[in-house]
Amino acid sequence: MDDKIVETISFAVLTESIITYFKEFFMYGDFSYSMIFSIILGIVIAVAYKLDLPEYLNLKSSIPYIGNILTGILISRGSNYIYDILKAVTSVKGT
């Protein structure tokens, strides 16, 4: 399958994750310290271990650490979320 499709799907998932957090924080008023801690921890882990999902997909950003931050946000969503994303990306990439 075309790499642009994989890239598009990846960024759609990243965007959905960020929008979900935005809705929970600002629209629904479900502010949660555990959610903030989860986001911060995910970003710290991604930066510390140089985890960068967009770079893995050969997408280079001109903004330093943006890939790490986006990956950290995905990490903060939990292991099931990450597993589903990786499963979708690898299955699309393999076809």
PDB file of N, CA and C in Angstrom:
ATOM      1  N   MET A   1       0.847  -1.176   0.000  1.00  0.00           N
ATOM      2  CA  MET A   1       0.000   0.000   0.000  1.00  0.00           C
ATOM      3  C   MET A   1       0.888   1.234   0.000  1.00  0.00           C
ATOM      4  N   ASP A   2       0.374   2.313  -0.509  1.00  0.00           N
ATOM      5  CA  ASP A   2       1.105   3.566  -0.636  1.00  0.00           C
ATOM      6  C   ASP A   2       1.507   4.113   0.735  1.00  0.00           C
ATOM      7  N   ASP A   3       2.754   4.592   0.835  1.00  0.00           N
ATOM      8  CA  ASP A   3       3.244   5.157   2.102  1.00  0.00           C
ATOM      9  C   ASP A   3       2.439   6.381   2.525  1.00  0.00           C
ATOM     10  N   LYS A   4       1.908   7.130   1.580  1.00  0.00           N
ATOM     11  CA  LYS A   4       1.111   8.320   1.920  1.00  0.00           C
ATOM     12  C   LYS A   4      -0.162   7.924   2.671  1.00  0.00           C
ATOM     13  N   ILE A   5      -0.710   6.774   2.358  1.00  0.00           N
ATOM     14  CA  ILE A   5      -1.900   6.302   3.076  1.00  0.00           C
ATOM     15  C   ILE A   5      -1.537   5.977   4.514  1.00  0.00           C
ATOM     16  N   VAL A   6      -0.409   5.307   4.703  1.00  0.00           N
ATOM     17  CA  VAL A   6       0.053   4.983   6.055  1.00  0.00           C
ATOM     18  C   VAL A   6       0.302   6.265   6.839  1.00  0.00           C
ATOM     19  N   GLU A   7       0.947   7.241   6.220  1.00  0.00           N
ATOM     20  CA  GLU A   7       1.213   8.524   6.876  1.00  0.00           C
ATOM     21  C   GLU A   7      -0.087   9.217   7.251  1.00  0.00           C
ATOM     22  N   THR A   8      -1.033   9.229   6.351  1.00  0.00           N
ATOM     23  CA  THR A   8      -2.313   9.884   6.594  1.00  0.00           C
ATOM     24  C   THR A   8      -3.062   9.219   7.746  1.00  0.00           C
ATOM     25  N   ILE A   9      -3.080   7.899   7.755  1.00  0.00           N
ATOM     26  CA  ILE A   9      -3.746   7.166   8.837  1.00  0.00           C
ATOM     27  C   ILE A   9      -3.057   7.466  10.165  1.00  0.00           C
ATOM     28  N   SER A  10      -1.745   7.476  10.166  1.00  0.00           N
ATOM     29  CA  SER A  10      -0.990   7.742  11.396  1.00  0.00           C
ATOM     30  C   SER A  10      -1.312   9.122  11.951  1.00  0.00           C
ATOM     31  N   PHE A  11      -1.316  10.127  11.088  1.00  0.00           N
ATOM     32  CA  PHE A  11      -1.616  11.480  11.556  1.00  0.00           C
ATOM     33  C   PHE A  11      -3.084  11.630  11.935  1.00  0.00           C
ATOM     34  N   ALA A  12      -3.958  10.879  11.321  1.00  0.00           N
ATOM     35  CA  ALA A  12      -5.371  10.907  11.718  1.00  0.00           C
ATOM     36  C   ALA A  12      -5.529  10.368  13.136  1.00  0.00           C
ATOM     37  N   VAL A  13      -4.808   9.300  13.448  1.00  0.00           N
ATOM     38  CA  VAL A  13      -4.868   8.716  14.785  1.00  0.00           C
ATOM     39  C   VAL A  13      -4.255   9.672  15.810  1.00  0.00           C
ATOM     40  N   LEU A  14      -3.118  10.280  15.475  1.00  0.00           N
ATOM     41  CA  LEU A  14      -2.491  11.256  16.367  1.00  0.00           C
ATOM     42  C   LEU A  14      -3.432  12.429  16.641  1.00  0.00           C
ATOM     43  N   THR A  15      -4.044  12.928  15.591  1.00  0.00           N
ATOM     44  CA  THR A  15      -4.960  14.055  15.731  1.00  0.00           C
ATOM     45  C   THR A  15      -6.163  13.680  16.578  1.00  0.00           C
ATOM     46  N   GLU A  16      -6.702  12.485  16.360  1.00  0.00           N
ATOM     47  CA  GLU A  16      -7.858  12.029  17.141  1.00  0.00           C
ATOM     48  C   GLU A  16      -7.522  11.965  18.617  1.00  0.00           C
ATOM     49  N   SER A  17      -6.321  11.497  18.926  1.00  0.00           N
ATOM     50  CA  SER A  17      -5.891  11.396  20.313  1.00  0.00           C
ATOM     51  C   SER A  17      -5.816  12.773  20.962  1.00  0.00           C
ATOM     52  N   ILE A  18      -5.248  13.726  20.276  1.00  0.00           N
ATOM     53  CA  ILE A  18      -5.127  15.088  20.808  1.00  0.00           C
ATOM     54  C   ILE A  18      -6.494  15.735  20.963  1.00  0.00           C
ATOM     55  N   ILE A  19      -7.357  15.561  19.984  1.00  0.00           N
ATOM     56  CA  ILE A  19      -8.710  16.140  20.041  1.00  0.00           C
ATOM     57  C   ILE A  19      -9.506  15.519  21.184  1.00  0.00           C
ATOM     58  N   THR A  20      -9.339  14.233  21.416  1.00  0.00           N
ATOM     59  CA  THR A  20     -10.035  13.576  22.527  1.00  0.00           C
ATOM     60  C   THR A  20      -9.633  14.206  23.852  1.00  0.00           C
ATOM     61  N   TYR A  21      -8.337  14.407  24.040  1.00  0.00           N
ATOM     62  CA  TYR A  21      -7.883  15.085  25.261  1.00  0.00           C
ATOM     63  C   TYR A  21      -8.444  16.499  25.348  1.00  0.00           C
ATOM     64  N   PHE A  22      -8.403  17.231  24.249  1.00  0.00           N
ATOM     65  CA  PHE A  22      -8.911  18.604  24.228  1.00  0.00           C
ATOM     66  C   PHE A  22     -10.380  18.646  24.646  1.00  0.00           C
ATOM     67  N   LYS A  23     -11.173  17.742  24.087  1.00  0.00           N
ATOM     68  CA  LYS A  23     -12.601  17.683  24.437  1.00  0.00           C
ATOM     69  C   LYS A  23     -12.804  17.389  25.919  1.00  0.00           C
ATOM     70  N   GLU A  24     -12.068  16.412  26.423  1.00  0.00           N
ATOM     71  CA  GLU A  24     -12.225  16.041  27.829  1.00  0.00           C
ATOM     72  C   GLU A  24     -11.832  17.184  28.755  1.00  0.00           C
ATOM     73  N   PHE A  25     -10.782  17.928  28.407  1.00  0.00           N
ATOM     74  CA  PHE A  25     -10.320  19.019  29.256  1.00  0.00           C
ATOM     75  C   PHE A  25     -11.220  20.242  29.188  1.00  0.00           C
ATOM     76  N   PHE A  26     -11.558  20.671  27.985  1.00  0.00           N
ATOM     77  CA  PHE A  26     -12.181  21.981  27.805  1.00  0.00           C
ATOM     78  C   PHE A  26     -13.677  21.948  27.511  1.00  0.00           C
ATOM     79  N   MET A  27     -14.136  20.938  26.794  1.00  0.00           N
ATOM     80  CA  MET A  27     -15.544  20.915  26.417  1.00  0.00           C
ATOM     81  C   MET A  27     -16.410  20.217  27.459  1.00  0.00           C
ATOM     82  N   TYR A  28     -15.917  19.094  27.975  1.00  0.00           N
ATOM     83  CA  TYR A  28     -16.712  18.312  28.921  1.00  0.00           C
ATOM     84  C   TYR A  28     -16.418  18.669  30.368  1.00  0.00           C
ATOM     85  N   GLY A  29     -15.343  19.423  30.580  1.00  0.00           N
ATOM     86  CA  GLY A  29     -14.983  19.814  31.936  1.00  0.00           C
ATOM     87  C   GLY A  29     -14.494  18.660  32.787  1.00  0.00           C
ATOM     88  N   ASP A  30     -14.003  17.605  32.149  1.00  0.00           N
ATOM     89  CA  ASP A  30     -13.521  16.430  32.885  1.00  0.00           C
ATOM     90  C   ASP A  30     -12.036  16.554  33.192  1.00  0.00           C
ATOM     91  N   PHE A  31     -11.647  17.684  33.765  1.00  0.00           N
ATOM     92  CA  PHE A  31     -10.248  17.887  34.108  1.00  0.00           C
ATOM     93  C   PHE A  31      -9.823  16.854  35.142  1.00  0.00           C
ATOM     94  N   SER A  32      -8.714  16.216  34.866  1.00  0.00           N
ATOM     95  CA  SER A  32      -8.244  15.158  35.754  1.00  0.00           C
ATOM     96  C   SER A  32      -6.736  15.264  35.897  1.00  0.00           C
ATOM     97  N   TYR A  33      -6.273  15.324  37.143  1.00  0.00           N
ATOM     98  CA  TYR A  33      -4.837  15.373  37.374  1.00  0.00           C
ATOM     99  C   TYR A  33      -4.155  14.101  36.897  1.00  0.00           C
ATOM    100  N   SER A  34      -4.839  12.976  36.995  1.00  0.00           N
ATOM    101  CA  SER A  34      -4.226  11.726  36.531  1.00  0.00           C
ATOM    102  C   SER A  34      -4.044  11.756  35.015  1.00  0.00           C
ATOM    103  N   MET A  35      -4.958  12.401  34.295  1.00  0.00           N
ATOM    104  CA  MET A  35      -4.829  12.520  32.850  1.00  0.00           C
ATOM    105  C   MET A  35      -3.650  13.432  32.490  1.00  0.00           C
ATOM    106  N   ILE A  36      -3.513  14.545  33.204  1.00  0.00           N
ATOM    107  CA  ILE A  36      -2.382  15.448  32.979  1.00  0.00           C
ATOM    108  C   ILE A  36      -1.070  14.723  33.283  1.00  0.00           C
ATOM    109  N   PHE A  37      -1.028  14.004  34.397  1.00  0.00           N
ATOM    110  CA  PHE A  37       0.169  13.252  34.760  1.00  0.00           C
ATOM    111  C   PHE A  37       0.496  12.218  33.686  1.00  0.00           C
ATOM    112  N   SER A  38      -0.520  11.555  33.172  1.00  0.00           N
ATOM    113  CA  SER A  38      -0.333  10.558  32.128  1.00  0.00           C
ATOM    114  C   SER A  38       0.288  11.180  30.876  1.00  0.00           C
ATOM    115  N   ILE A  39      -0.207  12.339  30.470  1.00  0.00           N
ATOM    116  CA  ILE A  39       0.324  13.025  29.289  1.00  0.00           C
ATOM    117  C   ILE A  39       1.775  13.429  29.522  1.00  0.00           C
ATOM    118  N   ILE A  40       2.041  14.043  30.666  1.00  0.00           N
ATOM    119  CA  ILE A  40       3.409  14.476  30.967  1.00  0.00           C
ATOM    120  C   ILE A  40       4.358  13.281  31.024  1.00  0.00           C
ATOM    121  N   LEU A  41       3.946  12.223  31.695  1.00  0.00           N
ATOM    122  CA  LEU A  41       4.780  11.031  31.791  1.00  0.00           C
ATOM    123  C   LEU A  41       5.036  10.417  30.411  1.00  0.00           C
ATOM    124  N   GLY A  42       4.005  10.337  29.591  1.00  0.00           N
ATOM    125  CA  GLY A  42       4.170   9.797  28.238  1.00  0.00           C
ATOM    126  C   GLY A  42       5.164  10.607  27.425  1.00  0.00           C
ATOM    127  N   ILE A  43       5.078  11.925  27.513  1.00  0.00           N
ATOM    128  CA  ILE A  43       5.999  12.796  26.771  1.00  0.00           C
ATOM    129  C   ILE A  43       7.419  12.656  27.307  1.00  0.00           C
ATOM    130  N   VAL A  44       7.573  12.633  28.625  1.00  0.00           N
ATOM    131  CA  VAL A  44       8.909  12.480  29.223  1.00  0.00           C
ATOM    132  C   VAL A  44       9.539  11.166  28.782  1.00  0.00           C
ATOM    133  N   ILE A  45       8.777  10.088  28.800  1.00  0.00           N
ATOM    134  CA  ILE A  45       9.297   8.786  28.380  1.00  0.00           C
ATOM    135  C   ILE A  45       9.700   8.815  26.910  1.00  0.00           C
ATOM    136  N   ALA A  46       8.844   9.388  26.066  1.00  0.00           N
ATOM    137  CA  ALA A  46       9.141   9.440  24.631  1.00  0.00           C
ATOM    138  C   ALA A  46      10.390  10.268  24.343  1.00  0.00           C
ATOM    139  N   VAL A  47      10.543  11.387  25.042  1.00  0.00           N
ATOM    140  CA  VAL A  47      11.731  12.223  24.838  1.00  0.00           C
ATOM    141  C   VAL A  47      12.968  11.527  25.393  1.00  0.00           C
ATOM    142  N   ALA A  48      12.866  10.968  26.590  1.00  0.00           N
ATOM    143  CA  ALA A  48      14.015  10.320  27.227  1.00  0.00           C
ATOM    144  C   ALA A  48      14.545   9.140  26.419  1.00  0.00           C
ATOM    145  N   TYR A  49      13.633   8.381  25.818  1.00  0.00           N
ATOM    146  CA  TYR A  49      14.036   7.198  25.066  1.00  0.00           C
ATOM    147  C   TYR A  49      14.039   7.419  23.551  1.00  0.00           C
ATOM    148  N   LYS A  50      13.861   8.676  23.148  1.00  0.00           N
ATOM    149  CA  LYS A  50      13.889   9.051  21.727  1.00  0.00           C
ATOM    150  C   LYS A  50      12.887   8.236  20.902  1.00  0.00           C
ATOM    151  N   LEU A  51      11.680   8.095  21.446  1.00  0.00           N
ATOM    152  CA  LEU A  51      10.608   7.394  20.743  1.00  0.00           C
ATOM    153  C   LEU A  51       9.903   8.396  19.843  1.00  0.00           C
ATOM    154  N   ASP A  52       9.825   8.076  18.567  1.00  0.00           N
ATOM    155  CA  ASP A  52       9.274   9.012  17.593  1.00  0.00           C
ATOM    156  C   ASP A  52       8.541   8.222  16.501  1.00  0.00           C
ATOM    157  N   LEU A  53       7.239   8.034  16.674  1.00  0.00           N
ATOM    158  CA  LEU A  53       6.453   7.258  15.718  1.00  0.00           C
ATOM    159  C   LEU A  53       6.461   7.874  14.316  1.00  0.00           C
ATOM    160  N   PRO A  54       6.278   9.192  14.162  1.00  0.00           N
ATOM    161  CA  PRO A  54       6.352   9.753  12.802  1.00  0.00           C
ATOM    162  C   PRO A  54       7.705   9.484  12.124  1.00  0.00           C
ATOM    163  N   GLU A  55       8.785   9.579  12.874  1.00  0.00           N
ATOM    164  CA  GLU A  55      10.099   9.299  12.286  1.00  0.00           C
ATOM    165  C   GLU A  55      10.205   7.840  11.855  1.00  0.00           C
ATOM    166  N   TYR A  56       9.613   6.943  12.642  1.00  0.00           N
ATOM    167  CA  TYR A  56       9.572   5.524  12.274  1.00  0.00           C
ATOM    168  C   TYR A  56       8.881   5.345  10.916  1.00  0.00           C
ATOM    169  N   LEU A  57       7.918   6.207  10.651  1.00  0.00           N
ATOM    170  CA  LEU A  57       7.198   6.148   9.375  1.00  0.00           C
ATOM    171  C   LEU A  57       7.871   7.004   8.308  1.00  0.00           C
ATOM    172  N   ASN A  58       9.131   7.383   8.547  1.00  0.00           N
ATOM    173  CA  ASN A  58       9.930   8.200   7.628  1.00  0.00           C
ATOM    174  C   ASN A  58       9.357   9.594   7.407  1.00  0.00           C
ATOM    175  N   LEU A  59       8.779  10.154   8.446  1.00  0.00           N
ATOM    176  CA  LEU A  59       8.255  11.517   8.390  1.00  0.00           C
ATOM    177  C   LEU A  59       9.135  12.394   9.265  1.00  0.00           C
ATOM    178  N   LYS A  60       9.857  13.291   8.650  1.00  0.00           N
ATOM    179  CA  LYS A  60      10.769  14.176   9.379  1.00  0.00           C
ATOM    180  C   LYS A  60      10.095  15.523   9.591  1.00  0.00           C
ATOM    181  N   SER A  61      10.198  16.024  10.804  1.00  0.00           N
ATOM    182  CA  SER A  61       9.626  17.325  11.135  1.00  0.00           C
ATOM    183  C   SER A  61      10.727  18.370  11.224  1.00  0.00           C
ATOM    184  N   SER A  62      10.396  19.594  10.862  1.00  0.00           N
ATOM    185  CA  SER A  62      11.352  20.689  11.004  1.00  0.00           C
ATOM    186  C   SER A  62      11.319  21.253  12.425  1.00  0.00           C
ATOM    187  N   ILE A  63      10.364  20.811  13.232  1.00  0.00           N
ATOM    188  CA  ILE A  63      10.245  21.264  14.615  1.00  0.00           C
ATOM    189  C   ILE A  63      10.864  20.192  15.520  1.00  0.00           C
ATOM    190  N   PRO A  64      11.939  20.553  16.243  1.00  0.00           N
ATOM    191  CA  PRO A  64      12.578  19.562  17.113  1.00  0.00           C
ATOM    192  C   PRO A  64      11.612  19.018  18.168  1.00  0.00           C
ATOM    193  N   TYR A  65      11.683  17.752  18.414  1.00  0.00           N
ATOM    194  CA  TYR A  65      10.941  17.035  19.458  1.00  0.00           C
ATOM    195  C   TYR A  65       9.433  16.910  19.207  1.00  0.00           C
ATOM    196  N   ILE A  66       8.905  17.406  18.112  1.00  0.00           N
ATOM    197  CA  ILE A  66       7.452  17.309  17.888  1.00  0.00           C
ATOM    198  C   ILE A  66       7.028  15.849  17.741  1.00  0.00           C
ATOM    199  N   GLY A  67       7.842  15.044  17.084  1.00  0.00           N
ATOM    200  CA  GLY A  67       7.528  13.619  16.957  1.00  0.00           C
ATOM    201  C   GLY A  67       7.537  12.915  18.297  1.00  0.00           C
ATOM    202  N   ASN A  68       8.486  13.286  19.158  1.00  0.00           N
ATOM    203  CA  ASN A  68       8.544  12.720  20.502  1.00  0.00           C
ATOM    204  C   ASN A  68       7.312  13.112  21.308  1.00  0.00           C
ATOM    205  N   ILE A  69       6.901  14.368  21.191  1.00  0.00           N
ATOM    206  CA  ILE A  69       5.733  14.856  21.932  1.00  0.00           C
ATOM    207  C   ILE A  69       4.468  14.145  21.467  1.00  0.00           C
ATOM    208  N   LEU A  70       4.299  14.033  20.160  1.00  0.00           N
ATOM    209  CA  LEU A  70       3.120  13.340  19.633  1.00  0.00           C
ATOM    210  C   LEU A  70       3.128  11.869  20.048  1.00  0.00           C
ATOM    211  N   THR A  71       4.282  11.252  19.995  1.00  0.00           N
ATOM    212  CA  THR A  71       4.395   9.862  20.428  1.00  0.00           C
ATOM    213  C   THR A  71       4.098   9.734  21.918  1.00  0.00           C
ATOM    214  N   GLY A  72       4.568  10.697  22.707  1.00  0.00           N
ATOM    215  CA  GLY A  72       4.290  10.696  24.140  1.00  0.00           C
ATOM    216  C   GLY A  72       2.811  10.804  24.439  1.00  0.00           C
ATOM    217  N   ILE A  73       2.107  11.609  23.659  1.00  0.00           N
ATOM    218  CA  ILE A  73       0.654  11.717  23.833  1.00  0.00           C
ATOM    219  C   ILE A  73      -0.010  10.378  23.531  1.00  0.00           C
ATOM    220  N   LEU A  74       0.453   9.720  22.493  1.00  0.00           N
ATOM    221  CA  LEU A  74      -0.094   8.390  22.183  1.00  0.00           C
ATOM    222  C   LEU A  74       0.213   7.396  23.291  1.00  0.00           C
ATOM    223  N   ILE A  75       1.425   7.448  23.816  1.00  0.00           N
ATOM    224  CA  ILE A  75       1.796   6.553  24.916  1.00  0.00           C
ATOM    225  C   ILE A  75       0.873   6.784  26.105  1.00  0.00           C
ATOM    226  N   SER A  76       0.541   8.043  26.360  1.00  0.00           N
ATOM    227  CA  SER A  76      -0.307   8.362  27.513  1.00  0.00           C
ATOM    228  C   SER A  76      -1.716   7.801  27.379  1.00  0.00           C
ATOM    229  N   ARG A  77      -2.121   7.473  26.170  1.00  0.00           N
ATOM    230  CA  ARG A  77      -3.462   6.912  25.958  1.00  0.00           C
ATOM    231  C   ARG A  77      -3.545   5.465  26.416  1.00  0.00           C
ATOM    232  N   GLY A  78      -2.408   4.809  26.568  1.00  0.00           N
ATOM    233  CA  GLY A  78      -2.415   3.453  27.103  1.00  0.00           C
ATOM    234  C   GLY A  78      -1.954   2.411  26.110  1.00  0.00           C
ATOM    235  N   SER A  79      -1.653   1.246  26.636  1.00  0.00           N
ATOM    236  CA  SER A  79      -1.081   0.179  25.818  1.00  0.00           C
ATOM    237  C   SER A  79      -2.065  -0.372  24.792  1.00  0.00           C
ATOM    238  N   ASN A  80      -3.325  -0.487  25.133  1.00  0.00           N
ATOM    239  CA  ASN A  80      -4.301  -0.986  24.156  1.00  0.00           C
ATOM    240  C   ASN A  80      -4.398  -0.056  22.958  1.00  0.00           C
ATOM    241  N   TYR A  81      -4.377   1.238  23.231  1.00  0.00           N
ATOM    242  CA  TYR A  81      -4.448   2.239  22.167  1.00  0.00           C
ATOM    243  C   TYR A  81      -3.229   2.125  21.254  1.00  0.00           C
ATOM    244  N   ILE A  82      -2.040   2.014  21.849  1.00  0.00           N
ATOM    245  CA  ILE A  82      -0.801   1.892  21.078  1.00  0.00           C
ATOM    246  C   ILE A  82      -0.804   0.591  20.275  1.00  0.00           C
ATOM    247  N   TYR A  83      -1.219  -0.493  20.896  1.00  0.00           N
ATOM    248  CA  TYR A  83      -1.262  -1.780  20.207  1.00  0.00           C
ATOM    249  C   TYR A  83      -2.177  -1.700  18.982  1.00  0.00           C
ATOM    250  N   ASP A  84      -3.349  -1.104  19.145  1.00  0.00           N
ATOM    251  CA  ASP A  84      -4.287  -0.972  18.024  1.00  0.00           C
ATOM    252  C   ASP A  84      -3.695  -0.128  16.895  1.00  0.00           C
ATOM    253  N   ILE A  85      -3.001   0.934  17.259  1.00  0.00           N
ATOM    254  CA  ILE A  85      -2.383   1.801  16.242  1.00  0.00           C
ATOM    255  C   ILE A  85      -1.294   1.040  15.496  1.00  0.00           C
ATOM    256  N   LEU A  86      -0.402   0.407  16.233  1.00  0.00           N
ATOM    257  CA  LEU A  86       0.692  -0.320  15.587  1.00  0.00           C
ATOM    258  C   LEU A  86       0.173  -1.460  14.725  1.00  0.00           C
ATOM    259  N   LYS A  87      -0.865  -2.132  15.191  1.00  0.00           N
ATOM    260  CA  LYS A  87      -1.473  -3.214  14.406  1.00  0.00           C
ATOM    261  C   LYS A  87      -2.038  -2.664  13.093  1.00  0.00           C
ATOM    262  N   ALA A  88      -2.732  -1.537  13.168  1.00  0.00           N
ATOM    263  CA  ALA A  88      -3.316  -0.932  11.966  1.00  0.00           C
ATOM    264  C   ALA A  88      -2.230  -0.450  11.011  1.00  0.00           C
ATOM    265  N   VAL A  89      -1.200   0.217  11.558  1.00  0.00           N
ATOM    266  CA  VAL A  89      -0.149   0.751  10.707  1.00  0.00           C
ATOM    267  C   VAL A  89       0.651  -0.367  10.047  1.00  0.00           C
ATOM    268  N   THR A  90       0.996  -1.406  10.808  1.00  0.00           N
ATOM    269  CA  THR A  90       1.785  -2.486  10.220  1.00  0.00           C
ATOM    270  C   THR A  90       0.966  -3.302   9.228  1.00  0.00           C
ATOM    271  N   SER A  91      -0.327  -3.442   9.455  1.00  0.00           N
ATOM    272  CA  SER A  91      -1.135  -4.199   8.491  1.00  0.00           C
ATOM    273  C   SER A  91      -1.316  -3.405   7.201  1.00  0.00           C
ATOM    274  N   VAL A  92      -1.475  -2.098   7.309  1.00  0.00           N
ATOM    275  CA  VAL A  92      -1.602  -1.257   6.107  1.00  0.00           C
ATOM    276  C   VAL A  92      -0.272  -1.197   5.393  1.00  0.00           C
ATOM    277  N   LYS A  93       0.814  -1.069   6.149  1.00  0.00           N
ATOM    278  CA  LYS A  93       2.142  -0.974   5.555  1.00  0.00           C
ATOM    279  C   LYS A  93       2.531  -2.270   4.862  1.00  0.00           C
ATOM    280  N   GLY A  94       2.043  -3.411   5.373  1.00  0.00           N
ATOM    281  CA  GLY A  94       2.385  -4.709   4.806  1.00  0.00           C
ATOM    282  C   GLY A  94       1.620  -5.070   3.549  1.00  0.00           C
ATOM    283  N   THR A  95       0.500  -4.378   3.282  1.00  0.00           N
ATOM    284  CA  THR A  95      -0.302  -4.716   2.106  1.00  0.00           C
ATOM    285  C   THR A  95       0.086  -3.940   0.890  1.00  0.00           C
TER     286      THR A  95
END
